N, C-alpha and C. Protein backbone atom coordinates (compact mmCIF):
# COMPACT_ATOMS: atom_id res chain seq x y z
N MET A 1 -0.58 28.88 21.17
CA MET A 1 -1.25 27.69 20.69
C MET A 1 -0.66 27.22 19.36
N GLU A 2 -0.27 28.17 18.52
CA GLU A 2 0.31 27.79 17.24
C GLU A 2 1.63 27.07 17.42
N ASN A 3 2.38 27.44 18.48
CA ASN A 3 3.65 26.76 18.73
C ASN A 3 3.44 25.29 19.05
N LEU A 4 2.36 24.97 19.73
CA LEU A 4 2.05 23.58 20.03
C LEU A 4 1.79 22.80 18.74
N PHE A 5 1.05 23.40 17.81
CA PHE A 5 0.77 22.72 16.55
C PHE A 5 2.02 22.58 15.70
N PHE A 6 2.88 23.60 15.72
CA PHE A 6 4.15 23.49 14.99
C PHE A 6 5.01 22.38 15.58
N ALA A 7 5.09 22.32 16.89
CA ALA A 7 5.91 21.29 17.54
C ALA A 7 5.36 19.89 17.27
N SER A 8 4.05 19.74 17.35
CA SER A 8 3.47 18.43 17.09
C SER A 8 3.62 18.03 15.62
N SER A 9 3.56 18.99 14.72
CA SER A 9 3.76 18.66 13.31
C SER A 9 5.20 18.27 13.04
N MET A 10 6.15 18.88 13.73
CA MET A 10 7.55 18.49 13.56
C MET A 10 7.80 17.08 14.09
N VAL A 11 7.16 16.75 15.20
CA VAL A 11 7.28 15.39 15.75
C VAL A 11 6.68 14.38 14.78
N LEU A 12 5.55 14.72 14.19
CA LEU A 12 4.93 13.82 13.22
C LEU A 12 5.80 13.64 11.97
N ILE A 13 6.47 14.69 11.55
CA ILE A 13 7.35 14.58 10.39
C ILE A 13 8.52 13.67 10.69
N VAL A 14 9.06 13.76 11.90
CA VAL A 14 10.15 12.86 12.30
C VAL A 14 9.65 11.41 12.33
N LEU A 15 8.45 11.20 12.84
CA LEU A 15 7.89 9.85 12.87
C LEU A 15 7.62 9.31 11.47
N VAL A 16 7.22 10.18 10.56
CA VAL A 16 7.04 9.76 9.17
C VAL A 16 8.38 9.33 8.57
N ALA A 17 9.43 10.07 8.89
CA ALA A 17 10.76 9.70 8.39
C ALA A 17 11.19 8.34 8.94
N LEU A 18 10.90 8.07 10.20
CA LEU A 18 11.23 6.77 10.77
C LEU A 18 10.43 5.65 10.11
N CYS A 19 9.17 5.91 9.83
CA CYS A 19 8.36 4.90 9.14
C CYS A 19 8.84 4.69 7.71
N LEU A 20 9.38 5.73 7.11
CA LEU A 20 9.92 5.60 5.76
C LEU A 20 11.10 4.63 5.74
N LEU A 21 11.86 4.60 6.82
CA LEU A 21 12.94 3.62 6.91
C LEU A 21 12.39 2.19 6.90
N ARG A 22 11.25 1.98 7.54
CA ARG A 22 10.62 0.66 7.52
C ARG A 22 10.11 0.32 6.12
N VAL A 23 9.62 1.32 5.42
CA VAL A 23 9.12 1.08 4.06
C VAL A 23 10.28 0.71 3.14
N ILE A 24 11.39 1.38 3.29
CA ILE A 24 12.54 1.13 2.42
C ILE A 24 13.23 -0.19 2.78
N GLY A 25 13.44 -0.42 4.08
CA GLY A 25 14.22 -1.58 4.48
C GLY A 25 13.46 -2.66 5.19
N GLY A 26 12.16 -2.72 4.97
CA GLY A 26 11.36 -3.73 5.66
C GLY A 26 11.76 -5.14 5.23
N PRO A 27 11.78 -6.07 6.16
CA PRO A 27 12.19 -7.43 5.79
C PRO A 27 11.17 -8.15 4.90
N THR A 28 9.90 -7.82 5.04
CA THR A 28 8.89 -8.46 4.19
C THR A 28 8.04 -7.41 3.49
N VAL A 29 7.29 -7.86 2.52
CA VAL A 29 6.41 -6.96 1.78
C VAL A 29 5.31 -6.41 2.69
N LEU A 30 4.80 -7.26 3.57
CA LEU A 30 3.72 -6.81 4.45
C LEU A 30 4.21 -5.76 5.45
N ASP A 31 5.48 -5.84 5.88
CA ASP A 31 6.04 -4.78 6.72
C ASP A 31 6.10 -3.46 5.96
N ARG A 32 6.43 -3.53 4.70
CA ARG A 32 6.48 -2.32 3.89
C ARG A 32 5.08 -1.72 3.69
N ILE A 33 4.11 -2.59 3.49
CA ILE A 33 2.73 -2.11 3.34
C ILE A 33 2.25 -1.45 4.62
N LEU A 34 2.55 -2.07 5.75
CA LEU A 34 2.15 -1.50 7.03
C LEU A 34 2.84 -0.16 7.29
N GLY A 35 4.12 -0.06 6.92
CA GLY A 35 4.82 1.22 7.06
C GLY A 35 4.19 2.31 6.20
N GLY A 36 3.79 1.95 4.99
CA GLY A 36 3.11 2.92 4.13
C GLY A 36 1.77 3.34 4.70
N ASN A 37 1.06 2.41 5.33
CA ASN A 37 -0.22 2.74 5.95
C ASN A 37 -0.03 3.69 7.13
N VAL A 38 0.99 3.45 7.92
CA VAL A 38 1.26 4.33 9.07
C VAL A 38 1.64 5.73 8.58
N ILE A 39 2.42 5.80 7.51
CA ILE A 39 2.76 7.11 6.94
C ILE A 39 1.50 7.83 6.48
N GLY A 40 0.60 7.11 5.83
CA GLY A 40 -0.65 7.72 5.39
C GLY A 40 -1.50 8.24 6.53
N THR A 41 -1.51 7.50 7.64
CA THR A 41 -2.27 7.95 8.81
C THR A 41 -1.67 9.21 9.40
N LYS A 42 -0.37 9.26 9.50
CA LYS A 42 0.30 10.44 10.06
C LYS A 42 0.14 11.66 9.13
N VAL A 43 0.14 11.43 7.84
CA VAL A 43 -0.08 12.54 6.90
C VAL A 43 -1.51 13.06 7.02
N THR A 44 -2.46 12.18 7.29
CA THR A 44 -3.83 12.63 7.51
C THR A 44 -3.92 13.56 8.71
N VAL A 45 -3.24 13.21 9.79
CA VAL A 45 -3.22 14.07 10.97
C VAL A 45 -2.51 15.39 10.66
N LEU A 46 -1.44 15.32 9.87
CA LEU A 46 -0.74 16.56 9.47
C LEU A 46 -1.65 17.47 8.66
N LEU A 47 -2.48 16.89 7.79
CA LEU A 47 -3.42 17.71 7.03
C LEU A 47 -4.40 18.44 7.95
N LEU A 48 -4.84 17.77 8.99
CA LEU A 48 -5.75 18.42 9.94
C LEU A 48 -5.05 19.52 10.72
N ILE A 49 -3.79 19.31 11.08
CA ILE A 49 -3.03 20.36 11.77
C ILE A 49 -2.83 21.56 10.86
N ILE A 50 -2.55 21.31 9.59
CA ILE A 50 -2.40 22.41 8.64
C ILE A 50 -3.71 23.20 8.53
N GLY A 51 -4.83 22.49 8.54
CA GLY A 51 -6.13 23.15 8.50
C GLY A 51 -6.35 24.05 9.70
N VAL A 52 -5.93 23.61 10.87
CA VAL A 52 -6.06 24.45 12.07
C VAL A 52 -5.15 25.67 11.97
N LEU A 53 -3.94 25.47 11.47
CA LEU A 53 -3.00 26.60 11.36
C LEU A 53 -3.47 27.65 10.36
N TYR A 54 -4.08 27.21 9.26
CA TYR A 54 -4.58 28.16 8.26
C TYR A 54 -5.99 28.66 8.58
N LYS A 55 -6.56 28.18 9.67
CA LYS A 55 -7.91 28.58 10.10
C LYS A 55 -8.97 28.28 9.03
N ASN A 56 -8.77 27.16 8.36
CA ASN A 56 -9.71 26.71 7.34
C ASN A 56 -9.87 25.19 7.48
N VAL A 57 -10.38 24.78 8.62
CA VAL A 57 -10.44 23.36 8.94
C VAL A 57 -11.40 22.61 8.03
N GLU A 58 -12.49 23.25 7.62
CA GLU A 58 -13.51 22.57 6.83
C GLU A 58 -12.94 21.98 5.54
N MET A 59 -12.14 22.76 4.84
CA MET A 59 -11.57 22.29 3.58
C MET A 59 -10.57 21.16 3.83
N PHE A 60 -9.74 21.30 4.85
CA PHE A 60 -8.72 20.31 5.10
C PHE A 60 -9.29 19.02 5.68
N VAL A 61 -10.43 19.09 6.35
CA VAL A 61 -11.08 17.87 6.82
C VAL A 61 -11.55 17.04 5.64
N ASP A 62 -12.12 17.69 4.64
CA ASP A 62 -12.56 16.97 3.44
C ASP A 62 -11.38 16.30 2.74
N ILE A 63 -10.28 17.02 2.62
CA ILE A 63 -9.08 16.47 1.98
C ILE A 63 -8.54 15.31 2.81
N ALA A 64 -8.51 15.46 4.13
CA ALA A 64 -7.98 14.41 5.01
C ALA A 64 -8.84 13.15 4.95
N ILE A 65 -10.15 13.31 4.91
CA ILE A 65 -11.03 12.15 4.82
C ILE A 65 -10.82 11.42 3.49
N ALA A 66 -10.73 12.16 2.41
CA ALA A 66 -10.49 11.53 1.10
C ALA A 66 -9.14 10.82 1.07
N TYR A 67 -8.13 11.45 1.65
CA TYR A 67 -6.80 10.84 1.67
C TYR A 67 -6.78 9.59 2.54
N ALA A 68 -7.46 9.63 3.69
CA ALA A 68 -7.50 8.47 4.57
C ALA A 68 -8.24 7.31 3.90
N LEU A 69 -9.32 7.60 3.20
CA LEU A 69 -10.06 6.56 2.50
C LEU A 69 -9.21 5.94 1.39
N LEU A 70 -8.52 6.77 0.64
CA LEU A 70 -7.64 6.27 -0.41
C LEU A 70 -6.51 5.43 0.18
N ASN A 71 -5.95 5.87 1.30
CA ASN A 71 -4.90 5.12 1.96
C ASN A 71 -5.40 3.76 2.43
N PHE A 72 -6.59 3.72 3.00
CA PHE A 72 -7.17 2.47 3.49
C PHE A 72 -7.42 1.50 2.35
N ILE A 73 -8.02 1.97 1.27
CA ILE A 73 -8.33 1.10 0.14
C ILE A 73 -7.05 0.60 -0.51
N THR A 74 -6.06 1.44 -0.64
CA THR A 74 -4.79 1.03 -1.23
C THR A 74 -4.09 -0.02 -0.38
N THR A 75 -4.12 0.17 0.93
CA THR A 75 -3.49 -0.81 1.82
C THR A 75 -4.19 -2.16 1.73
N LEU A 76 -5.50 -2.16 1.74
CA LEU A 76 -6.24 -3.42 1.61
C LEU A 76 -5.96 -4.09 0.27
N GLY A 77 -5.96 -3.31 -0.79
CA GLY A 77 -5.70 -3.87 -2.11
C GLY A 77 -4.30 -4.45 -2.23
N ALA A 78 -3.32 -3.74 -1.73
CA ALA A 78 -1.94 -4.24 -1.80
C ALA A 78 -1.77 -5.49 -0.95
N ALA A 79 -2.34 -5.51 0.24
CA ALA A 79 -2.23 -6.68 1.11
C ALA A 79 -2.89 -7.90 0.48
N LYS A 80 -4.08 -7.72 -0.08
CA LYS A 80 -4.76 -8.84 -0.73
C LYS A 80 -3.98 -9.32 -1.95
N TYR A 81 -3.42 -8.39 -2.71
CA TYR A 81 -2.67 -8.77 -3.90
C TYR A 81 -1.45 -9.61 -3.53
N PHE A 82 -0.68 -9.15 -2.53
CA PHE A 82 0.53 -9.87 -2.19
C PHE A 82 0.24 -11.19 -1.47
N LEU A 83 -0.83 -11.24 -0.68
CA LEU A 83 -1.19 -12.51 -0.07
C LEU A 83 -1.67 -13.51 -1.13
N TYR A 84 -2.44 -13.05 -2.11
CA TYR A 84 -2.89 -13.93 -3.18
C TYR A 84 -1.71 -14.40 -4.02
N ARG A 85 -0.80 -13.49 -4.29
CA ARG A 85 0.39 -13.82 -5.08
C ARG A 85 1.24 -14.86 -4.36
N LYS A 86 1.35 -14.73 -3.04
CA LYS A 86 2.12 -15.69 -2.26
C LYS A 86 1.46 -17.06 -2.30
N LYS A 87 0.14 -17.12 -2.17
CA LYS A 87 -0.57 -18.40 -2.22
C LYS A 87 -0.47 -19.02 -3.61
N ALA A 88 -0.57 -18.20 -4.64
CA ALA A 88 -0.48 -18.71 -6.01
C ALA A 88 0.92 -19.25 -6.27
N GLY A 89 1.94 -18.59 -5.73
CA GLY A 89 3.31 -19.07 -5.91
C GLY A 89 3.54 -20.39 -5.20
N LEU A 90 2.92 -20.60 -4.05
CA LEU A 90 3.07 -21.85 -3.32
C LEU A 90 2.39 -23.00 -4.05
N GLN A 91 1.24 -22.73 -4.68
CA GLN A 91 0.54 -23.80 -5.38
C GLN A 91 1.29 -24.23 -6.64
N GLU A 92 1.97 -23.32 -7.29
CA GLU A 92 2.70 -23.68 -8.50
C GLU A 92 3.91 -24.55 -8.19
N ASN A 93 4.56 -24.34 -7.05
CA ASN A 93 5.76 -25.10 -6.71
C ASN A 93 5.45 -26.49 -6.20
N ASP A 94 4.25 -26.73 -5.69
CA ASP A 94 3.91 -28.04 -5.12
C ASP A 94 3.54 -29.03 -6.15
């Protein structure tokens, strides 16, 4: 059973690396924000897998929930900031 968790965690790490390419080379700011959000979601799942491997799921669930909440709030804040900044930039040029 542990081999399954190790294999799934390795697949998730590869997927995080692929999403990191989108964060670095995304064509727009919103693509980069979305890539960062996907990385945060995959890291949350990795935290839960680590909790199962260490046989201490209760502690890692609390950490994963806090991390997911922080990731969600950060994504919303960054998206609102850049959308507002884009609208403000359009009004100044007109």
